[in-house]
Protein backbone atom coordinates (compact mmCIF):
# COMPACT_ATOMS: atom_id res chain seq x y z
CA MET A 1 76.70 85.80 90.89
CA SER A 2 78.07 87.14 87.57
CA ASN A 3 76.07 90.35 87.98
CA VAL A 4 77.52 90.87 91.44
CA LYS A 5 81.04 90.29 90.12
CA LYS A 6 80.40 92.76 87.29
CA LEU A 7 79.23 95.41 89.74
CA ALA A 8 82.23 94.67 91.93
CA GLY A 9 84.48 95.23 88.93
CA GLN A 10 82.72 98.48 88.02
CA THR A 11 82.86 99.62 91.64
CA LEU A 12 86.58 98.92 91.58
CA TRP A 13 87.11 100.91 88.37
CA TYR A 14 84.96 103.85 89.33
CA GLY A 15 85.45 103.39 93.04
CA LEU A 16 89.24 103.52 93.06
CA PRO A 17 89.48 106.99 91.52
CA THR A 18 86.59 108.15 93.67
CA ILE A 19 88.17 106.68 96.78
CA ALA A 20 91.57 108.01 95.76
CA SER A 21 90.30 111.53 95.05
CA ARG A 22 88.02 111.59 98.08
CA PHE A 23 90.70 110.11 100.31
CA LEU A 24 93.31 112.59 99.11
CA GLY A 25 90.83 115.37 99.74
CA TYR A 26 89.98 113.77 103.07
CA LEU A 27 93.66 113.72 104.05
CA MET A 28 93.94 117.36 103.01
CA ASN A 29 91.02 118.28 105.27
CA MET A 30 92.35 116.08 108.06
CA ALA A 31 95.58 118.07 107.77
CA LEU A 32 93.76 121.08 109.24
CA PRO A 33 94.63 120.05 112.83
CA PHE A 34 98.32 119.94 111.82
CA ILE A 35 98.26 123.39 110.18
CA PHE A 36 95.99 125.29 112.55
CA ALA A 37 96.30 124.77 116.29
CA GLN A 38 92.95 126.43 117.03
CA PRO A 39 89.78 124.80 115.62
CA ALA A 40 88.03 128.19 115.56
CA LEU A 41 90.25 129.24 112.64
CA THR A 42 88.59 126.60 110.43
CA ALA A 43 84.98 127.60 111.20
CA ASP A 44 84.55 129.93 108.19
CA LEU A 45 85.86 127.26 105.81
CA THR A 46 83.41 124.79 107.33
CA GLN A 47 80.57 127.23 106.65
CA VAL A 48 81.49 127.53 102.96
CA TYR A 49 81.76 123.78 102.51
CA ALA A 50 78.37 123.39 104.21
CA ILE A 51 76.80 125.81 101.69
CA ILE A 52 78.35 124.35 98.51
CA PRO A 53 76.46 120.99 98.54
CA PHE A 54 73.10 122.79 98.87
CA LEU A 55 73.84 125.02 95.89
CA ASN A 56 75.24 122.07 93.94
CA ILE A 57 71.84 120.34 94.16
CA VAL A 58 70.13 123.43 92.74
CA PHE A 59 72.75 123.92 90.02
CA THR A 60 72.53 120.29 88.76
CA TYR A 61 68.78 119.69 89.50
CA GLY A 62 68.93 115.91 89.16
CA VAL A 63 70.17 115.74 85.56
CA GLU A 64 72.83 113.12 86.29
CA THR A 65 70.33 110.52 87.53
CA ALA A 66 67.90 111.53 84.78
CA TYR A 67 70.62 110.98 82.18
CA PHE A 68 71.13 107.41 83.39
CA ARG A 69 67.38 106.86 83.58
CA PHE A 70 66.61 107.99 80.00
CA SER A 71 69.79 106.98 78.19
CA ASN A 72 68.44 103.45 77.70
CA GLU A 73 65.17 104.71 76.18
CA LYS A 74 66.01 107.90 74.28
CA ASP A 75 68.54 108.88 71.66
CA LYS A 76 71.74 109.31 73.68
CA GLU A 77 73.11 112.19 71.61
CA ALA A 78 69.85 114.15 71.71
CA LEU A 79 69.59 113.55 75.45
CA TYR A 80 73.19 114.57 76.12
CA ASN A 81 72.96 117.71 73.99
CA THR A 82 69.62 118.81 75.44
CA LEU A 83 70.66 118.33 79.06
CA ASN A 84 74.05 119.96 78.56
CA ILE A 85 72.52 123.02 76.93
CA SER A 86 70.04 123.25 79.79
CA LEU A 87 72.80 122.88 82.37
CA LEU A 88 75.04 125.46 80.69
CA ALA A 89 72.25 128.05 80.52
CA THR A 90 71.09 127.59 84.12
CA THR A 91 74.66 127.53 85.47
CA VAL A 92 75.39 130.92 83.93
CA LEU A 93 72.07 132.25 85.21
CA PHE A 94 72.45 130.92 88.76
CA THR A 95 76.06 132.06 89.04
CA ALA A 96 75.18 135.58 87.92
CA ALA A 97 72.23 135.75 90.33
CA LEU A 98 74.34 134.61 93.29
CA TYR A 99 77.10 137.03 92.35
CA PHE A 100 74.70 139.94 92.85
CA LEU A 101 73.43 138.34 96.08
CA GLN A 102 76.98 138.00 97.39
CA PRO A 103 76.65 140.55 100.25
CA TRP A 104 73.46 138.93 101.52
CA ILE A 105 74.97 135.42 101.40
CA ALA A 106 78.09 136.59 103.23
CA GLU A 107 76.01 138.20 105.97
CA ALA A 108 73.68 135.20 106.38
CA ALA A 109 76.64 132.80 106.61
CA GLY A 110 78.63 135.01 108.96
CA LEU A 111 81.31 135.59 106.30
CA THR A 112 81.20 139.38 106.06
CA ALA A 113 84.88 139.48 107.02
CA LYS A 114 85.69 137.09 104.14
CA PRO A 115 83.48 138.10 101.16
CA GLU A 116 86.07 136.69 98.73
CA TYR A 117 85.12 133.21 99.98
CA ILE A 118 81.75 133.63 98.24
CA LEU A 119 83.40 134.48 94.90
CA TRP A 120 85.71 131.47 95.06
CA MET A 121 82.74 129.30 96.05
CA LEU A 122 80.80 130.43 92.97
CA GLY A 123 83.77 129.58 90.74
CA ILE A 124 83.94 126.08 92.22
CA LEU A 125 80.21 125.57 91.67
CA PHE A 126 80.40 126.86 88.09
CA PHE A 127 83.10 124.45 86.91
CA ASP A 128 81.90 121.48 88.97
CA THR A 129 78.40 121.80 87.53
CA LEU A 130 79.62 121.90 83.94
CA ALA A 131 81.63 118.73 84.59
CA THR A 132 78.57 116.80 85.80
CA LEU A 133 77.25 115.39 82.51
CA PRO A 134 80.66 114.72 80.92
CA PHE A 135 81.50 112.60 83.97
CA ALA A 136 78.11 110.87 83.72
CA ARG A 137 78.77 110.12 80.05
CA LEU A 138 82.14 108.55 80.86
CA ARG A 139 80.43 106.30 83.40
CA GLN A 140 77.52 105.44 81.11
CA GLU A 141 79.87 104.58 78.23
CA ASN A 142 82.18 102.52 80.48
CA ARG A 143 85.27 104.68 80.02
CA PRO A 144 86.79 104.28 83.47
CA LYS A 145 90.40 105.12 82.58
CA LYS A 146 89.66 108.68 81.55
CA TYR A 147 87.19 109.01 84.40
CA ALA A 148 89.90 107.94 86.86
CA PHE A 149 92.55 110.19 85.33
CA VAL A 150 90.39 113.33 85.36
CA ARG A 151 89.08 112.76 88.89
CA ILE A 152 92.51 112.22 90.36
CA ALA A 153 94.15 115.02 88.34
CA GLY A 154 91.70 117.56 89.76
CA ILE A 155 92.29 116.60 93.36
CA VAL A 156 96.09 116.44 92.86
CA VAL A 157 96.05 120.03 91.59
CA ASN A 158 93.89 120.99 94.56
CA ILE A 159 96.29 119.41 97.05
CA PHE A 160 99.35 120.85 95.32
CA ILE A 161 97.99 124.42 95.58
CA VAL A 162 97.01 123.99 99.24
CA PHE A 163 100.28 122.53 100.41
CA LEU A 164 102.30 124.92 98.27
CA PHE A 165 100.65 128.02 99.77
CA LEU A 166 100.05 126.75 103.30
CA GLY A 167 102.92 124.34 103.73
CA PHE A 168 105.97 125.28 101.67
CA LEU A 169 105.77 129.00 100.82
CA PRO A 170 105.27 130.43 104.34
CA ALA A 171 108.52 128.82 105.50
CA TYR A 172 110.29 129.77 102.25
CA ILE A 173 109.29 133.44 102.51
CA LYS A 174 110.53 133.66 106.08
CA GLN A 175 113.97 132.74 104.75
CA HIS A 176 113.67 134.90 101.59
CA PRO A 177 111.44 137.86 102.60
CA THR A 178 112.42 140.03 99.61
CA GLY A 179 112.27 137.31 96.96
CA PHE A 180 109.97 137.13 93.92
CA VAL A 181 107.64 134.65 95.63
CA SER A 182 106.54 137.24 98.20
CA THR A 183 104.98 139.32 95.40
CA PHE A 184 102.14 136.84 94.77
CA PHE A 185 101.85 135.13 98.15
CA ASN A 186 99.37 136.75 100.54
CA GLU A 187 99.70 135.45 104.08
CA GLU A 188 96.39 137.06 105.06
CA ILE A 189 94.46 134.66 102.80
CA GLY A 190 95.44 131.85 105.17
CA ILE A 191 92.94 129.01 105.15
CA GLY A 192 91.32 130.61 102.08
CA TYR A 193 93.96 128.81 100.02
CA TYR A 194 91.85 125.68 100.56
CA LEU A 195 89.14 127.30 98.44
CA ILE A 196 91.63 128.61 95.88
CA GLY A 197 93.09 125.11 95.57
CA ASN A 198 89.61 123.69 95.11
CA LEU A 199 88.83 126.28 92.45
CA CYS A 200 92.03 125.46 90.54
CA GLY A 201 91.26 121.72 90.78
CA SER A 202 87.73 122.26 89.46
CA LEU A 203 89.03 124.36 86.56
CA VAL A 204 91.60 121.72 85.58
CA THR A 205 88.91 119.02 85.79
CA PHE A 206 86.67 121.00 83.44
CA LEU A 207 89.51 121.56 80.95
CA LEU A 208 90.41 117.86 80.93
CA LEU A 209 86.81 117.09 79.97
CA TRP A 210 86.96 119.47 77.00
CA LYS A 211 86.60 116.67 74.43
CA GLU A 212 83.24 115.76 75.96
CA TRP A 213 82.20 119.39 75.52
CA LYS A 214 83.76 119.83 72.08
CA GLY A 215 81.38 117.30 70.56
CA LEU A 216 78.34 119.11 71.90
CA HIS A 217 75.76 120.16 69.29
CA PHE A 218 73.41 123.00 70.16
CA ASN A 219 70.29 121.05 69.30
CA PHE A 220 67.71 121.48 72.04
CA ASP A 221 64.74 119.09 72.17
CA SER A 222 62.14 120.91 74.26
CA LYS A 223 59.75 117.94 74.37
CA LEU A 224 62.49 115.65 75.65
CA TRP A 225 63.61 118.31 78.13
CA LYS A 226 60.12 118.62 79.62
CA GLU A 227 59.87 114.84 80.00
CA VAL A 228 63.24 114.67 81.74
CA MET A 229 62.43 117.61 84.02
CA LYS A 230 59.18 115.97 85.07
CA TYR A 231 61.25 113.01 86.22
CA SER A 232 64.10 114.97 87.78
CA TYR A 233 62.42 117.82 89.68
CA PRO A 234 61.52 115.62 92.68
CA LEU A 235 65.20 114.69 92.82
CA ILE A 236 65.95 118.34 93.61
CA ILE A 237 63.78 118.00 96.72
CA VAL A 238 65.45 114.68 97.52
CA GLY A 239 68.87 116.25 97.07
CA LEU A 240 68.15 119.36 99.11
CA GLY A 241 66.60 117.30 101.86
CA GLY A 242 69.61 115.01 101.78
CA MET A 243 71.94 117.98 102.12
CA ILE A 244 69.91 119.29 105.06
CA ASN A 245 70.34 115.92 106.71
CA ASP A 246 74.04 115.78 105.91
CA MET A 247 75.21 119.38 106.31
CA LEU A 248 72.70 121.23 108.48
CA SER A 249 74.41 120.45 111.79
CA ARG A 250 77.60 122.13 110.54
CA LEU A 251 75.70 124.96 108.86
CA VAL A 252 73.71 126.01 111.95
CA TYR A 253 75.95 124.78 114.79
CA GLN A 254 77.57 128.08 115.72
CA HIS A 255 74.27 129.91 115.27
CA VAL A 256 72.22 127.76 117.68
CA VAL A 257 74.75 126.69 120.31
CA ASP A 258 74.48 128.85 123.43
CA LEU A 259 78.07 130.10 123.52
CA PRO A 260 80.04 133.29 122.80
CA GLU A 261 81.10 133.69 119.15
CA GLN A 262 84.70 132.46 119.50
CA GLU A 263 83.71 129.45 121.61
CA ALA A 264 80.98 128.62 119.09
CA LYS A 265 83.51 128.79 116.24
CA HIS A 266 85.83 126.56 118.27
CA GLU A 267 83.15 123.89 118.73
CA LEU A 268 82.12 124.12 115.06
CA GLY A 269 85.74 123.54 114.01
CA VAL A 270 86.01 120.54 116.34
CA PHE A 271 82.65 119.05 115.29
CA ALA A 272 83.44 119.43 111.59
CA ASN A 273 86.63 117.47 112.17
CA LEU A 274 84.76 114.76 114.08
CA TYR A 275 82.33 114.50 111.18
CA ARG A 276 85.21 114.11 108.73
CA ILE A 277 86.31 110.98 110.57
CA ALA A 278 82.84 109.43 110.22
CA VAL A 279 82.83 110.45 106.53
CA LEU A 280 85.39 107.67 105.88
CA ILE A 281 82.31 105.45 105.50
CA THR A 282 80.69 107.77 102.97
CA ILE A 283 83.80 107.66 100.80
CA MET A 284 83.12 103.96 100.25
CA ILE A 285 79.40 104.65 99.78
CA GLN A 286 80.16 107.24 97.11
CA ALA A 287 82.43 104.81 95.28
CA PHE A 288 79.66 102.22 95.34
CA ARG A 289 77.07 104.70 94.03
CA MET A 290 79.31 105.66 91.08
CA ALA A 291 78.99 102.12 89.75
CA ALA A 292 75.65 101.08 91.25
CA GLU A 293 73.35 103.75 89.79
CA PRO A 294 73.95 102.96 86.09
CA PHE A 295 74.21 99.23 86.96
CA PHE A 296 70.80 99.17 88.67
CA PHE A 297 69.11 100.94 85.76
CA ASN A 298 70.77 98.69 83.18
CA ARG A 299 69.72 95.53 85.06
CA SER A 300 66.21 96.68 85.98
CA LYS A 301 64.53 94.62 83.25
CA ASP A 302 66.33 91.38 84.15
CA GLU A 303 64.07 88.66 85.54
CA ASP A 304 66.31 88.09 88.55
CA ALA A 305 66.96 91.79 89.21
CA PRO A 306 65.41 91.79 92.74
CA ARG A 307 67.58 88.84 93.80
CA THR A 308 70.65 90.57 92.39
CA TYR A 309 69.82 93.74 94.33
CA ALA A 310 69.37 91.70 97.52
CA ARG A 311 72.75 90.03 97.12
CA ILE A 312 74.41 93.36 96.44
CA MET A 313 72.82 94.80 99.58
CA LYS A 314 74.26 91.98 101.69
CA PHE A 315 77.82 92.55 100.50
CA PHE A 316 77.34 96.29 100.82
CA VAL A 317 76.25 96.03 104.45
CA ILE A 318 79.18 93.72 105.24
CA ALA A 319 81.58 96.25 103.73
CA CYS A 320 79.95 99.05 105.79
CA CYS A 321 80.32 96.93 108.92
CA PHE A 322 84.05 96.58 108.33
CA MET A 323 84.36 100.34 107.78
CA PHE A 324 82.47 100.98 111.02
CA LEU A 325 84.74 98.57 112.89
CA PHE A 326 87.83 100.24 111.44
CA ILE A 327 86.70 103.62 112.76
CA GLY A 328 85.38 102.31 116.09
CA LEU A 329 88.22 99.95 116.98
CA TYR A 330 90.97 102.39 116.01
CA LEU A 331 89.31 105.52 117.37
CA ASP A 332 92.15 106.02 119.88
CA VAL A 333 94.68 105.95 117.05
CA LEU A 334 92.70 108.53 115.09
CA LYS A 335 92.47 110.71 118.21
CA TRP A 336 96.22 110.43 118.80
CA ILE A 337 96.91 111.51 115.21
CA ILE A 338 94.65 114.56 115.13
CA THR A 339 95.84 115.84 118.53
CA LEU A 340 99.56 115.82 117.74
CA LYS A 341 99.57 119.60 117.31
CA SER A 342 96.84 120.55 119.75
CA LYS A 343 94.77 118.60 122.29
CA ALA A 344 91.83 120.87 121.49
CA TRP A 345 91.06 118.81 118.37
CA GLY A 346 90.36 115.67 120.45
CA GLU A 347 87.20 116.89 122.15
CA GLY A 348 84.10 114.72 121.91
CA MET A 349 85.70 111.86 119.98
CA THR A 350 83.12 109.31 121.16
CA VAL A 351 80.37 111.02 119.11
CA VAL A 352 82.18 109.73 116.02
CA LEU A 353 80.70 106.28 116.72
CA LEU A 354 77.14 107.60 116.53
CA LEU A 355 77.95 109.64 113.42
CA ALA A 356 79.59 106.62 111.77
CA MET A 357 76.62 104.32 112.38
CA GLY A 358 74.32 107.05 111.11
CA ASN A 359 76.35 107.15 107.90
CA VAL A 360 76.03 103.36 107.61
CA PHE A 361 72.26 103.83 107.71
CA LEU A 362 72.61 106.50 105.02
CA GLY A 363 74.51 104.07 102.80
CA ILE A 364 71.81 101.43 103.23
CA TYR A 365 69.18 104.05 102.42
CA TYR A 366 70.97 104.94 99.18
CA ASN A 367 70.96 101.25 98.29
CA LEU A 368 67.26 100.92 99.11
CA SER A 369 66.29 104.10 97.26
CA ILE A 370 66.59 102.41 93.87
CA TRP A 371 62.97 101.29 94.21
CA TYR A 372 61.47 104.75 93.71
CA LYS A 373 63.89 105.61 90.89
CA LEU A 374 63.02 102.42 88.99
CA THR A 375 59.27 102.81 89.52
CA ASN A 376 59.18 106.56 88.70
CA LYS A 377 57.96 107.34 92.21
CA ASN A 378 60.54 110.00 92.96
CA LEU A 379 57.97 112.00 94.92
CA TYR A 380 58.07 109.25 97.55
CA GLY A 381 61.80 109.76 97.79
CA ALA A 382 61.21 113.48 98.16
CA ALA A 383 58.66 112.88 100.94
CA ILE A 384 61.05 110.57 102.84
CA THR A 385 63.86 113.09 102.55
CA ILE A 386 61.67 116.01 103.63
CA ALA A 387 60.51 114.05 106.67
CA GLY A 388 64.14 113.26 107.47
CA ALA A 389 65.04 116.92 107.03
CA LEU A 390 62.33 117.95 109.49
CA ILE A 391 63.75 115.50 112.03
CA THR A 392 67.24 116.89 111.42
CA ILE A 393 66.13 120.51 111.82
CA GLY A 394 64.06 119.83 114.93
CA VAL A 395 66.61 117.68 116.74
CA ASN A 396 69.52 120.00 115.90
CA ILE A 397 67.70 123.09 117.18
CA LEU A 398 66.45 121.26 120.26
CA LEU A 399 69.55 119.34 121.29
CA ILE A 400 72.64 121.29 120.14
CA PRO A 401 72.10 124.06 122.75
CA LYS A 402 71.84 121.40 125.49
CA PHE A 403 74.20 118.63 124.41
CA HIS A 404 76.49 120.36 121.88
CA TYR A 405 78.39 117.66 119.86
CA TRP A 406 76.09 114.88 121.05
CA GLY A 407 73.00 116.85 120.03
CA ALA A 408 74.25 117.18 116.45
CA ALA A 409 75.29 113.51 116.35
CA ILE A 410 71.91 112.32 117.64
CA ALA A 411 70.20 114.37 114.92
CA THR A 412 72.26 112.68 112.20
CA PHE A 413 71.70 109.20 113.63
CA SER A 414 67.94 109.64 114.12
CA CYS A 415 67.36 111.09 110.67
CA TYR A 416 69.19 108.37 108.76
CA LEU A 417 67.64 105.59 110.85
CA PHE A 418 64.18 106.94 110.02
CA MET A 419 64.95 107.31 106.31
CA MET A 420 66.40 103.80 106.07
CA MET A 421 63.43 102.16 107.79
CA THR A 422 60.81 104.16 105.87
CA SER A 423 62.44 103.49 102.51
CA TYR A 424 62.62 99.77 103.27
CA LEU A 425 58.93 99.53 104.20
CA LEU A 426 57.72 101.52 101.17
CA GLY A 427 60.14 99.75 98.84
CA GLN A 428 58.83 96.33 99.85
CA LYS A 429 55.34 97.54 98.99
CA TYR A 430 56.06 98.97 95.54
CA TYR A 431 59.18 97.05 94.43
CA PRO A 432 59.69 93.96 96.64
CA VAL A 433 63.31 92.80 97.00
CA PRO A 434 64.14 89.67 99.05
CA TYR A 435 66.72 91.29 101.34
CA ALA A 436 68.28 89.03 104.00
CA LYS A 437 66.81 91.31 106.67
CA LYS A 438 67.55 89.23 109.77
CA LYS A 439 71.14 88.55 108.76
CA LEU A 440 71.82 92.20 107.94
CA ILE A 441 70.36 93.39 111.24
CA ALA A 442 72.44 90.76 113.06
CA TYR A 443 75.64 92.06 111.41
CA LEU A 444 74.84 95.66 112.37
CA VAL A 445 74.02 94.73 115.97
CA MET A 446 77.14 92.59 116.22
CA VAL A 447 79.57 95.29 115.10
CA SER A 448 77.89 97.78 117.46
CA ILE A 449 78.38 95.39 120.39
CA ILE A 450 82.00 94.73 119.37
CA VAL A 451 82.84 98.45 119.32
CA LEU A 452 81.07 99.11 122.65
CA LEU A 453 82.90 96.13 124.18
CA HIS A 454 86.19 97.54 122.96
CA ARG A 455 85.40 100.95 124.45
CA ALA A 456 84.64 99.27 127.78
CA ILE A 457 87.92 97.33 127.68
CA VAL A 458 90.08 100.37 126.93
CA TYR A 459 88.21 102.37 129.56
CA MET A 460 89.60 99.99 132.17
CA TYR A 461 93.10 99.86 130.64
CA ASP A 462 93.90 102.61 128.19
CA PRO A 463 97.49 102.45 126.78
CA LEU A 464 97.42 103.09 123.02
CA TRP A 465 99.24 99.84 122.21
CA PHE A 466 96.64 97.85 124.13
CA SER A 467 93.81 99.62 122.31
CA ILE A 468 95.40 98.72 118.95
CA VAL A 469 96.06 95.07 119.87
CA SER A 470 92.62 94.45 121.39
CA GLY A 471 90.91 96.22 118.50
CA THR A 472 92.81 94.15 115.94
CA LEU A 473 91.87 90.91 117.71
CA LEU A 474 88.18 91.87 117.74
CA LEU A 475 88.37 92.81 114.05
CA ALA A 476 89.96 89.44 113.27
CA CYS A 477 87.18 87.63 115.17
CA PHE A 478 84.48 89.40 113.16
CA THR A 479 86.33 88.69 109.91
CA TYR A 480 86.52 84.99 110.78
CA PHE A 481 82.82 84.95 111.68
CA VAL A 482 81.76 86.54 108.38
CA ALA A 483 84.03 84.19 106.43
CA ARG A 484 82.32 81.18 108.05
CA VAL A 485 78.77 82.49 107.61
CA GLU A 486 79.30 83.63 103.99
CA LYS A 487 81.58 80.76 103.03
CA LYS A 488 79.52 79.54 100.07
CA GLU A 489 79.08 83.03 98.65
CA LEU A 490 82.74 83.95 99.07
CA GLN A 491 83.92 80.74 97.41
CA LYS A 492 82.14 81.89 94.23
CA LEU A 493 84.48 84.89 94.03
CA PRO A 494 87.79 83.87 92.41
CA ALA A 495 89.79 86.51 94.28
CA LEU A 496 88.60 85.22 97.66
CA LYS A 497 88.11 81.53 96.97
CA LYS A 498 91.65 80.52 98.03
CA PHE A 499 91.23 82.32 101.38
CA VAL A 500 87.91 80.62 102.24
CA GLN A 501 88.12 76.85 102.46
């Protein structure tokens, strides 16, 4: 149990800043319905943020995971220097190449009216990529305070810029049209200030990590680099496939849906917002991964490592179940919030349930995927991800024109279900872990039934107060059930022992 408690502590340290930064960013994105009445106005921003993760995979090419993998076997300084030099060189090269391809990218993404978005996007990628290994080093060396400070500082700067230029200054300039502020504020940029804020946040993050760069020695070990690249190149395929599964629906939505351009942009804006609600689950998953990846590698040689991984999976699935219930049982509250400015933002809210469960499957897959990283079988991970990507592409193209939001949601759900099941079956063959399979499936089925039951209840009687009360009661029932079933395990945790008798 001590290993689980240690991971819980690390997840708390690295998770809190991740959750805080992601949640602040999440709130900033969820503010879009309060700033822009028409979802179509956010479509171009959605396109840019669908492109960035793909390029981020190419820019970083798996070096973060490789750093954790080899830091226990190789000289840490030599590894850090070699990978940083490699990353610096390729980042400059990739950024320059994309700069010259800017017109083509803008045309392919439907951003010819906003070519400056591409420039700001490249700036974000440049600074975020150079921050990758310094952040990894802070995690590997257990320096959570600086990690937390830098993460949160970057997002605070981002939010400050966005709300300054989209919230405060427009109203101020209306009252002082000839003032100094009007000389640097450009109202035509509009939602582009989201990207400018992101760029400023990324720059500040990079500058705050300067000490990690200042100690860099330009000693490049080509033999070590080749060994690391042999390990990491399949992770590029895994990453790109993962981004296809995660972002493709938003990237292609307006291009495959059978609607006029403005209606397509409207639906893309709405769907992107629906996806953001489901992403609440992935915020927790990301926090877990921050701590889990180095933890799993560090514990891989322990005799009881498989049992530790199984116990971690159980608590992880329980946490995902609570997140799913939070979204599902308070869906009416979330809908009420996002439609305060315009009812248009509330379209298709029920697809959030399918998207949320799909993201639960994704979280479980991330947890399962440790088997191919520990056994150096990353090509298996690449194959699983490619197969998932093919499902995503096929289902999106087939179903979005017919079922719109539901088609995109079904694609996400089907892909992640397939990846989770395939990874489990292969993992048990090459790196057996005694997961409590029946119990975990029972939890997932139970929360699905609870949410569907709640939807049926509020369908018959739909006042918001009743939805909140009935949802809270169902959440309390599930909490009581888990506390009874996991009583012995929970009593081993000092923080929870007094609540579980």
